[in-house]
């Protein structure tokens, strides 16, 4: 099944995904005031063996935003994910991160 749709962010790998996010961040930075702040909660999905923190940091390089603070935000487990109701064996949720950035 082909789930692609036009101009969506490429999910072909961590580098491609980070590059797609970088384009979003650049567009956002270009439309923001000089004192704007960007706050992101970012995590990963259990079936991908990638490091979410590395991806989000890579996406912000040369994007017009400068990272100020990063904090672990726990997992989605506390939110009692709907998947737990429907799956026989739910995967362990991955840690999420809260990241604050300012216009560079």
N, C-alpha and C. Protein backbone atom coordinates (compact mmCIF):
# COMPACT_ATOMS: atom_id res chain seq x y z
N UNK A 1 0.84 -1.17 0.00
CA UNK A 1 0.00 0.00 0.00
C UNK A 1 0.88 1.24 0.00
N UNK A 2 0.60 2.19 -0.85
CA UNK A 2 1.35 3.43 -0.96
C UNK A 2 0.66 4.50 -0.13
N UNK A 3 1.29 4.93 0.96
CA UNK A 3 0.70 5.93 1.83
C UNK A 3 1.23 7.34 1.54
N UNK A 4 2.03 7.50 0.52
CA UNK A 4 2.58 8.82 0.23
C UNK A 4 1.48 9.77 -0.24
N UNK A 5 1.69 11.03 0.04
CA UNK A 5 0.72 12.04 -0.37
C UNK A 5 1.44 13.33 -0.66
N UNK A 6 1.62 13.61 -1.93
CA UNK A 6 2.14 14.88 -2.38
C UNK A 6 3.34 15.41 -1.61
N UNK A 7 3.15 16.56 -1.00
CA UNK A 7 4.25 17.31 -0.40
C UNK A 7 4.44 17.02 1.08
N UNK A 8 4.14 15.82 1.52
CA UNK A 8 4.38 15.48 2.92
C UNK A 8 5.86 15.26 3.17
N UNK A 9 6.23 15.25 4.43
CA UNK A 9 7.63 15.02 4.81
C UNK A 9 8.01 13.59 4.46
N UNK A 10 9.20 13.44 3.87
CA UNK A 10 9.72 12.14 3.45
C UNK A 10 10.04 11.28 4.68
N UNK A 11 9.51 10.07 4.70
CA UNK A 11 9.77 9.13 5.80
C UNK A 11 10.73 8.03 5.34
N UNK A 12 11.55 8.32 4.34
CA UNK A 12 12.45 7.33 3.76
C UNK A 12 13.69 7.03 4.59
N UNK A 13 13.80 7.60 5.75
CA UNK A 13 14.94 7.36 6.63
C UNK A 13 15.13 8.56 7.52
N UNK A 14 15.94 8.42 8.58
CA UNK A 14 16.13 9.51 9.53
C UNK A 14 16.66 10.80 8.90
N UNK A 15 17.61 10.68 7.98
CA UNK A 15 18.20 11.87 7.35
C UNK A 15 17.16 12.60 6.50
N UNK A 16 16.39 11.85 5.72
CA UNK A 16 15.36 12.46 4.86
C UNK A 16 14.27 13.11 5.72
N UNK A 17 13.90 12.45 6.80
CA UNK A 17 12.87 13.00 7.68
C UNK A 17 13.37 14.29 8.33
N UNK A 18 14.62 14.30 8.81
CA UNK A 18 15.19 15.50 9.42
C UNK A 18 15.26 16.64 8.41
N UNK A 19 15.61 16.34 7.18
CA UNK A 19 15.67 17.37 6.13
C UNK A 19 14.29 17.95 5.86
N UNK A 20 13.27 17.11 5.83
CA UNK A 20 11.90 17.59 5.64
C UNK A 20 11.45 18.49 6.77
N UNK A 21 11.77 18.09 8.00
CA UNK A 21 11.44 18.94 9.15
C UNK A 21 12.20 20.26 9.08
N UNK A 22 13.47 20.21 8.64
CA UNK A 22 14.28 21.43 8.53
C UNK A 22 13.60 22.43 7.60
N UNK A 23 13.03 21.97 6.53
CA UNK A 23 12.32 22.88 5.61
C UNK A 23 11.14 23.55 6.32
N UNK A 24 10.43 22.80 7.15
CA UNK A 24 9.32 23.36 7.93
C UNK A 24 9.84 24.42 8.89
N UNK A 25 10.93 24.08 9.62
CA UNK A 25 11.48 25.03 10.59
C UNK A 25 11.97 26.29 9.90
N UNK A 26 12.60 26.17 8.73
CA UNK A 26 13.07 27.35 7.99
C UNK A 26 11.90 28.25 7.61
N UNK A 27 10.84 27.66 7.10
CA UNK A 27 9.66 28.45 6.72
C UNK A 27 9.07 29.14 7.93
N UNK A 28 9.03 28.44 9.05
CA UNK A 28 8.48 29.00 10.27
C UNK A 28 9.35 30.15 10.77
N UNK A 29 10.66 29.95 10.81
CA UNK A 29 11.57 31.00 11.29
C UNK A 29 11.45 32.25 10.43
N UNK A 30 11.27 32.07 9.13
CA UNK A 30 11.15 33.21 8.22
C UNK A 30 9.89 34.03 8.44
N UNK A 31 8.89 33.44 9.04
CA UNK A 31 7.62 34.14 9.27
C UNK A 31 7.49 34.68 10.69
N UNK A 32 8.47 34.41 11.55
CA UNK A 32 8.38 34.77 12.97
C UNK A 32 9.09 36.07 13.29
N UNK A 33 8.64 36.69 14.38
CA UNK A 33 9.33 37.85 14.93
C UNK A 33 10.66 37.41 15.54
N UNK A 34 11.57 38.36 15.73
CA UNK A 34 12.90 38.04 16.26
C UNK A 34 12.89 37.45 17.66
N UNK A 35 11.82 37.70 18.42
CA UNK A 35 11.76 37.17 19.79
C UNK A 35 10.88 35.92 19.89
N UNK A 36 10.57 35.32 18.76
CA UNK A 36 9.71 34.12 18.75
C UNK A 36 10.42 32.93 19.40
N UNK A 37 9.61 32.02 19.94
CA UNK A 37 10.11 30.78 20.52
C UNK A 37 9.41 29.61 19.84
N UNK A 38 10.13 28.54 19.68
CA UNK A 38 9.60 27.31 19.11
C UNK A 38 9.68 26.25 20.20
N UNK A 39 8.57 25.59 20.48
CA UNK A 39 8.54 24.52 21.48
C UNK A 39 8.04 23.26 20.79
N UNK A 40 8.81 22.19 20.92
CA UNK A 40 8.52 20.94 20.22
C UNK A 40 8.51 19.81 21.23
N UNK A 41 7.49 18.94 21.16
CA UNK A 41 7.55 17.65 21.85
C UNK A 41 7.76 16.62 20.75
N UNK A 42 8.83 15.84 20.88
CA UNK A 42 9.21 14.93 19.81
C UNK A 42 9.61 13.59 20.40
N UNK A 43 9.14 12.53 19.78
CA UNK A 43 9.48 11.18 20.21
C UNK A 43 9.60 10.28 19.00
N UNK A 44 9.61 9.00 19.25
CA UNK A 44 9.73 8.03 18.17
C UNK A 44 8.66 6.96 18.30
N UNK A 45 8.60 6.13 17.31
CA UNK A 45 7.68 5.00 17.35
C UNK A 45 8.48 3.72 17.57
N UNK A 46 7.86 2.78 18.22
CA UNK A 46 8.56 1.58 18.66
C UNK A 46 9.10 0.71 17.54
N UNK A 47 8.51 0.77 16.36
CA UNK A 47 8.97 -0.12 15.29
C UNK A 47 10.11 0.48 14.46
N UNK A 48 10.66 1.62 14.87
CA UNK A 48 11.80 2.21 14.17
C UNK A 48 12.98 2.28 15.12
N UNK A 49 14.09 1.71 14.73
CA UNK A 49 15.29 1.69 15.57
C UNK A 49 16.11 2.95 15.30
N UNK A 50 15.56 4.09 15.67
CA UNK A 50 16.26 5.37 15.50
C UNK A 50 16.21 6.14 16.82
N UNK A 51 17.08 7.10 16.94
CA UNK A 51 17.16 7.92 18.14
C UNK A 51 16.43 9.24 17.88
N UNK A 52 15.24 9.44 18.48
CA UNK A 52 14.45 10.64 18.21
C UNK A 52 15.18 11.95 18.53
N UNK A 53 15.95 11.97 19.60
CA UNK A 53 16.63 13.21 19.97
C UNK A 53 17.64 13.62 18.90
N UNK A 54 18.33 12.66 18.34
CA UNK A 54 19.28 12.96 17.26
C UNK A 54 18.59 13.50 16.02
N UNK A 55 17.43 12.95 15.71
CA UNK A 55 16.68 13.42 14.52
C UNK A 55 16.21 14.85 14.70
N UNK A 56 15.62 15.16 15.84
CA UNK A 56 15.09 16.51 16.02
C UNK A 56 16.21 17.54 16.09
N UNK A 57 17.33 17.19 16.72
CA UNK A 57 18.47 18.10 16.75
C UNK A 57 19.03 18.33 15.34
N UNK A 58 19.15 17.27 14.56
CA UNK A 58 19.64 17.39 13.19
C UNK A 58 18.70 18.26 12.35
N UNK A 59 17.40 18.14 12.58
CA UNK A 59 16.43 18.91 11.80
C UNK A 59 16.54 20.41 12.08
N UNK A 60 17.03 20.78 13.26
CA UNK A 60 17.13 22.19 13.61
C UNK A 60 18.45 22.84 13.19
N UNK A 61 19.43 22.03 12.77
CA UNK A 61 20.70 22.59 12.28
C UNK A 61 20.45 23.41 11.03
N UNK A 62 20.99 24.62 11.00
CA UNK A 62 20.87 25.52 9.84
C UNK A 62 19.41 25.75 9.45
N UNK A 63 18.54 25.84 10.45
CA UNK A 63 17.11 26.00 10.18
C UNK A 63 16.59 27.39 10.48
N UNK A 64 17.43 28.23 11.08
CA UNK A 64 16.96 29.54 11.52
C UNK A 64 16.56 29.54 12.99
N UNK A 65 16.67 28.37 13.63
CA UNK A 65 16.35 28.24 15.06
C UNK A 65 17.58 27.77 15.81
N UNK A 66 17.72 28.24 17.06
CA UNK A 66 18.82 27.83 17.92
C UNK A 66 18.24 27.15 19.15
N UNK A 67 18.67 25.93 19.40
CA UNK A 67 18.18 25.16 20.56
C UNK A 67 18.65 25.83 21.84
N UNK A 68 17.72 26.03 22.77
CA UNK A 68 18.04 26.60 24.07
C UNK A 68 18.03 25.54 25.16
N UNK A 69 17.01 24.69 25.16
CA UNK A 69 16.83 23.72 26.23
C UNK A 69 16.21 22.44 25.69
N UNK A 70 16.64 21.31 26.23
CA UNK A 70 16.04 20.01 25.93
C UNK A 70 15.82 19.28 27.25
N UNK A 71 14.61 18.74 27.43
CA UNK A 71 14.30 17.97 28.64
C UNK A 71 13.57 16.69 28.26
N UNK A 72 13.87 15.57 28.89
CA UNK A 72 13.06 14.37 28.68
C UNK A 72 11.63 14.64 29.16
N UNK A 73 10.65 14.16 28.42
CA UNK A 73 9.24 14.40 28.74
C UNK A 73 8.52 13.12 29.13
N UNK A 74 9.25 12.07 29.39
CA UNK A 74 8.61 10.81 29.72
C UNK A 74 8.12 10.10 28.47
N UNK A 75 7.14 9.24 28.64
CA UNK A 75 6.59 8.49 27.51
C UNK A 75 5.10 8.75 27.39
N UNK A 76 4.51 8.28 26.31
CA UNK A 76 3.07 8.41 26.11
C UNK A 76 2.28 7.45 26.99
N UNK A 77 2.95 6.58 27.71
CA UNK A 77 2.29 5.60 28.57
C UNK A 77 1.38 6.29 29.59
N UNK A 78 1.81 7.41 30.12
CA UNK A 78 1.01 8.13 31.12
C UNK A 78 -0.31 8.62 30.53
N UNK A 79 -0.36 8.80 29.21
CA UNK A 79 -1.57 9.28 28.56
C UNK A 79 -2.57 8.17 28.27
N UNK A 80 -2.29 6.95 28.73
CA UNK A 80 -3.16 5.79 28.52
C UNK A 80 -3.58 5.68 27.05
N UNK A 81 -2.60 5.43 26.23
CA UNK A 81 -2.79 5.38 24.78
C UNK A 81 -3.93 4.47 24.37
N UNK A 82 -4.64 4.92 23.38
CA UNK A 82 -5.78 4.16 22.85
C UNK A 82 -5.34 2.79 22.36
N UNK A 83 -4.10 2.69 21.88
CA UNK A 83 -3.60 1.41 21.36
C UNK A 83 -3.66 0.31 22.41
N UNK A 84 -3.51 0.65 23.66
CA UNK A 84 -3.54 -0.36 24.71
C UNK A 84 -4.88 -1.08 24.76
N UNK A 85 -5.93 -0.40 24.35
CA UNK A 85 -7.26 -0.98 24.36
C UNK A 85 -7.43 -2.00 23.24
N UNK A 86 -6.79 -1.74 22.10
CA UNK A 86 -7.04 -2.56 20.92
C UNK A 86 -5.97 -3.60 20.62
N UNK A 87 -4.77 -3.41 21.14
CA UNK A 87 -3.69 -4.35 20.83
C UNK A 87 -3.58 -5.41 21.91
N UNK A 88 -3.31 -6.61 21.48
CA UNK A 88 -3.10 -7.69 22.45
C UNK A 88 -1.80 -7.48 23.21
N UNK A 89 -0.78 -7.08 22.49
CA UNK A 89 0.52 -6.86 23.10
C UNK A 89 1.07 -5.53 22.62
N UNK A 90 0.87 -4.51 23.39
CA UNK A 90 1.33 -3.18 23.00
C UNK A 90 2.84 -3.07 23.18
N UNK A 91 3.47 -2.35 22.26
CA UNK A 91 4.91 -2.12 22.37
C UNK A 91 5.19 -1.09 23.46
N UNK A 92 6.35 -1.19 24.04
CA UNK A 92 6.76 -0.24 25.08
C UNK A 92 6.97 1.13 24.42
N UNK A 93 6.29 2.18 24.91
CA UNK A 93 6.47 3.49 24.30
C UNK A 93 7.87 4.04 24.52
N UNK A 94 8.34 4.82 23.56
CA UNK A 94 9.68 5.40 23.64
C UNK A 94 9.62 6.75 24.35
N UNK A 95 10.73 7.15 24.90
CA UNK A 95 10.79 8.44 25.59
C UNK A 95 10.60 9.58 24.59
N UNK A 96 9.94 10.63 25.05
CA UNK A 96 9.74 11.84 24.26
C UNK A 96 10.56 12.95 24.88
N UNK A 97 10.81 14.00 24.09
CA UNK A 97 11.61 15.12 24.54
C UNK A 97 10.88 16.42 24.29
N UNK A 98 11.02 17.35 25.22
CA UNK A 98 10.55 18.72 25.02
C UNK A 98 11.77 19.56 24.69
N UNK A 99 11.66 20.32 23.62
CA UNK A 99 12.78 21.12 23.14
C UNK A 99 12.31 22.54 22.94
N UNK A 100 13.08 23.51 23.45
CA UNK A 100 12.79 24.92 23.27
C UNK A 100 13.88 25.51 22.39
N UNK A 101 13.47 26.36 21.43
CA UNK A 101 14.42 27.02 20.54
C UNK A 101 13.99 28.47 20.33
N UNK A 102 14.95 29.30 19.97
CA UNK A 102 14.66 30.69 19.65
C UNK A 102 15.17 30.98 18.24
N UNK A 103 14.69 32.07 17.66
CA UNK A 103 15.13 32.45 16.33
C UNK A 103 16.63 32.74 16.40
N UNK A 104 17.37 32.16 15.49
CA UNK A 104 18.85 32.31 15.51
C UNK A 104 19.26 33.68 14.97
